[in-house]
Protein backbone atom coordinates (compact mmCIF):
# COMPACT_ATOMS: atom_id res chain seq x y z
CA MET A 1 71.10 98.54 84.29
CA THR A 2 74.69 99.79 84.39
CA ASN A 3 76.81 99.18 87.47
CA THR A 4 79.20 102.08 88.02
CA VAL A 5 82.13 101.56 90.37
CA ILE A 6 83.90 104.72 91.53
CA VAL A 7 87.31 104.44 93.19
CA THR A 8 88.39 107.62 94.94
CA SER A 9 91.49 108.67 96.86
CA HIS A 10 91.78 112.04 98.58
CA PRO A 11 92.27 112.71 102.31
CA TYR A 12 90.12 115.88 102.37
CA GLU A 13 86.35 115.74 101.87
CA GLY A 14 86.32 119.42 100.90
CA SER A 15 88.58 118.78 97.91
CA PHE A 16 87.59 119.24 94.30
CA CYS A 17 88.30 115.52 93.82
CA HIS A 18 85.53 114.80 96.32
CA ALA A 19 83.21 117.14 94.42
CA LEU A 20 84.03 115.33 91.15
CA MET A 21 83.31 111.97 92.76
CA MET A 22 79.99 113.20 94.12
CA ALA A 23 79.04 114.67 90.73
CA ALA A 24 79.85 111.40 88.95
CA LYS A 25 77.82 109.50 91.54
CA GLU A 26 74.90 111.92 91.14
CA GLY A 27 75.00 111.57 87.36
CA ALA A 28 75.07 107.78 87.57
CA LEU A 29 72.15 107.60 89.99
CA ALA A 30 70.13 110.11 87.94
CA ALA A 31 70.62 107.86 84.90
CA GLY A 32 69.25 104.88 86.83
CA ASN A 33 72.62 103.20 87.28
CA THR A 34 73.72 101.41 90.40
CA VAL A 35 76.74 102.96 92.09
CA ASP A 36 79.43 101.42 94.28
CA VAL A 37 81.94 103.87 95.76
CA ILE A 38 85.30 102.56 96.95
CA ASP A 39 86.79 105.29 99.15
CA LEU A 40 90.36 104.21 99.82
CA GLU A 41 90.91 106.80 102.54
CA ALA A 42 87.69 105.95 104.40
CA ASP A 43 88.54 102.25 104.14
CA HIS A 44 92.04 102.85 105.58
CA PHE A 45 93.36 100.80 102.68
CA ASP A 46 96.92 99.55 103.05
CA PRO A 47 98.60 100.37 99.72
CA VAL A 48 101.88 98.60 100.51
CA MET A 49 102.81 95.46 98.59
CA HIS A 50 104.05 93.20 101.38
CA SER A 51 106.00 89.97 100.87
CA ALA A 52 102.79 87.90 101.00
CA ASP A 53 101.31 90.07 98.24
CA LEU A 54 104.38 89.60 96.06
CA ILE A 55 104.27 85.83 96.55
CA GLY A 56 100.56 85.99 95.69
CA PHE A 57 101.45 87.93 92.54
CA LEU A 58 103.79 85.12 91.48
CA LYS A 59 101.12 82.51 92.27
CA HIS A 60 98.38 84.58 90.56
CA LYS A 61 96.26 84.72 93.69
CA ALA A 62 95.58 87.91 95.67
CA GLN A 63 96.34 87.69 99.40
CA ASP A 64 95.13 91.00 100.84
CA GLU A 65 91.50 90.57 102.03
CA GLN A 66 90.58 94.18 101.25
CA ALA A 67 92.09 93.87 97.78
CA LYS A 68 90.06 90.67 97.22
CA ASP A 69 86.90 92.62 98.06
CA TYR A 70 87.90 95.42 95.68
CA ILE A 71 88.67 92.90 92.92
CA ALA A 72 85.20 91.36 93.25
CA ARG A 73 83.59 94.79 93.12
CA VAL A 74 85.62 95.89 90.09
CA LYS A 75 84.74 92.63 88.32
CA ALA A 76 81.06 93.56 88.76
CA ALA A 77 81.55 96.97 87.09
CA ASP A 78 80.22 97.99 83.70
CA HIS A 79 81.84 101.41 84.05
CA LEU A 80 84.90 102.03 86.24
CA ILE A 81 85.76 105.57 87.36
CA LEU A 82 88.96 106.52 89.20
CA VAL A 83 89.14 109.92 90.89
CA PHE A 84 92.36 111.25 92.40
CA PRO A 85 94.70 114.27 92.56
CA ILE A 86 98.03 114.38 90.77
CA TRP A 87 100.81 115.03 93.28
CA TRP A 88 104.39 115.41 92.04
CA GLU A 89 103.16 114.40 88.57
CA LEU A 90 101.78 111.02 89.73
CA MET A 91 98.90 109.46 91.65
CA PRO A 92 98.85 109.34 95.48
CA ALA A 93 100.19 106.23 97.23
CA MET A 94 96.67 104.96 98.03
CA MET A 95 95.68 104.90 94.36
CA LYS A 96 99.02 103.41 93.30
CA GLY A 97 98.54 100.68 95.90
CA PHE A 98 95.04 100.03 94.58
CA ILE A 99 96.49 99.51 91.09
CA ASP A 100 99.26 97.27 92.48
CA LYS A 101 96.88 95.07 94.46
CA VAL A 102 93.83 95.01 92.17
CA VAL A 103 95.42 94.87 88.71
CA PHE A 104 96.58 91.39 89.62
CA PRO A 105 97.40 88.32 87.53
CA GLY A 106 94.87 85.53 87.82
CA GLU A 107 92.34 88.00 89.23
CA THR A 108 91.74 90.91 86.84
CA PHE A 109 94.05 89.86 83.99
CA ASP A 110 95.92 86.86 82.63
CA TYR A 111 99.26 86.66 80.86
CA THR A 112 99.25 85.51 77.24
CA HIS A 113 101.87 84.54 74.64
CA GLY A 114 104.37 83.10 77.09
CA GLY A 115 104.05 85.99 79.49
CA LYS A 116 104.64 88.71 76.89
CA GLY A 117 101.02 89.81 76.54
CA MET A 118 98.06 90.45 78.82
CA ALA A 119 94.32 89.81 78.55
CA SER A 120 91.69 91.41 80.78
CA LYS A 121 89.50 89.22 82.98
CA LEU A 122 87.08 92.12 83.55
CA ASP A 123 84.49 90.65 81.21
CA LYS A 124 81.67 93.02 82.19
CA LEU A 125 83.69 96.22 81.99
CA GLN A 126 82.63 98.40 79.05
CA SER A 127 84.50 101.63 79.83
CA THR A 128 86.99 103.20 82.22
CA THR A 129 87.28 106.90 83.07
CA ILE A 130 90.12 108.52 84.99
CA MET A 131 89.36 111.90 86.60
CA THR A 132 92.29 113.87 87.96
CA THR A 133 92.99 117.27 89.44
CA MET A 134 96.27 119.15 89.35
CA ASN A 135 97.66 122.68 89.53
CA THR A 136 100.04 122.25 86.59
CA PRO A 137 99.27 123.69 83.15
CA LYS A 138 98.26 120.99 80.68
CA SER A 139 101.03 121.78 78.19
CA LEU A 140 103.69 121.77 80.92
CA TYR A 141 102.44 118.44 82.29
CA ARG A 142 102.50 116.90 78.83
CA TRP A 143 105.66 118.28 77.28
CA VAL A 144 107.95 118.97 80.26
CA PHE A 145 106.90 116.34 82.82
CA GLY A 146 106.18 113.58 80.31
CA ASN A 147 102.43 113.08 80.69
CA ALA A 148 103.01 110.48 83.40
CA ILE A 149 99.38 109.45 83.92
CA GLN A 150 98.91 108.83 80.19
CA ARG A 151 102.10 106.79 80.01
CA ALA A 152 101.88 104.88 83.29
CA LEU A 153 98.15 104.41 83.88
CA VAL A 154 96.26 104.79 80.60
CA ARG A 155 98.77 103.04 78.33
CA GLY A 156 101.14 101.31 80.73
CA THR A 157 98.42 99.68 82.84
CA PHE A 158 94.88 99.73 81.47
CA ARG A 159 95.56 99.39 77.76
CA LYS A 160 98.36 96.93 78.40
CA MET A 161 96.02 94.70 80.40
CA GLY A 162 93.51 94.74 77.55
CA LEU A 163 90.92 97.33 78.57
CA LYS A 164 89.02 99.26 75.91
CA ASN A 165 87.24 102.62 75.93
CA ILE A 166 89.56 104.40 78.35
CA ARG A 167 89.16 108.13 78.88
CA TRP A 168 91.18 110.58 80.95
CA MET A 169 89.40 113.72 82.18
CA SER A 170 92.19 116.02 83.36
CA CYS A 171 91.24 119.10 85.39
CA ASN A 172 94.30 121.36 85.20
CA MET A 173 95.13 124.53 87.12
CA VAL A 174 92.32 123.80 89.57
CA LYS A 175 93.55 126.05 92.37
CA GLY A 176 93.24 129.20 90.26
CA SER A 177 90.20 128.14 88.24
CA SER A 178 87.00 130.17 88.11
CA ASP A 179 83.67 129.06 89.57
CA GLN A 180 82.40 128.79 86.00
CA ARG A 181 85.26 126.50 85.01
CA ARG A 182 84.70 124.27 88.03
CA ALA A 183 80.98 124.11 87.32
CA GLY A 184 81.83 122.95 83.79
CA TRP A 185 84.06 120.18 85.14
CA LEU A 186 81.34 119.07 87.56
CA ASP A 187 78.79 118.96 84.74
CA GLU A 188 81.23 116.86 82.74
CA ALA A 189 81.67 114.51 85.72
CA LYS A 190 77.90 114.10 85.91
CA ARG A 191 77.82 113.16 82.23
CA VAL A 192 80.63 110.67 82.81
CA GLY A 193 78.66 109.10 85.66
CA ALA A 194 75.50 108.92 83.53
CA LYS A 195 77.30 107.03 80.77
CA ALA A 196 75.70 103.69 80.07
């Protein structure tokens, strides 16, 4: 049985991000997978790296109790799904804080080669999917604004820490999209959730 962990960050339950999360959850459950949803907004997660967290980073030991819980849950994942909007070309503060406090040395990765390399400690994790929404055209986001999620999250975080099978599902121009287009995205989210 596949354990799917979905991490979501959006303050409005009527958002398309929420609909994507629910579709992924539905697809996972329909496929017989177990599902664990981490809702950063509902949890009132503190995304700020405080001095204790930074000292913990140096000592390779997470300090934030909520982050410790998230780390344990992510370590149990076979498939990790992150769902969030892109605001000002980047992820919201809640999701950035999740990355800062959960992608943590000694917890979810180790340094290798004298600190120049990284190796994942997420031994169960088989695949990671990032689902985002934005109102920017895909070509503009890539060629004018530098494809920040690809650079910072896909390559600069997940691949760097040693994860494999990373996919980014980008829903662009959501605000003006047709019902048919949105239905297609939701069907795709269900298929992502059903992935074994």
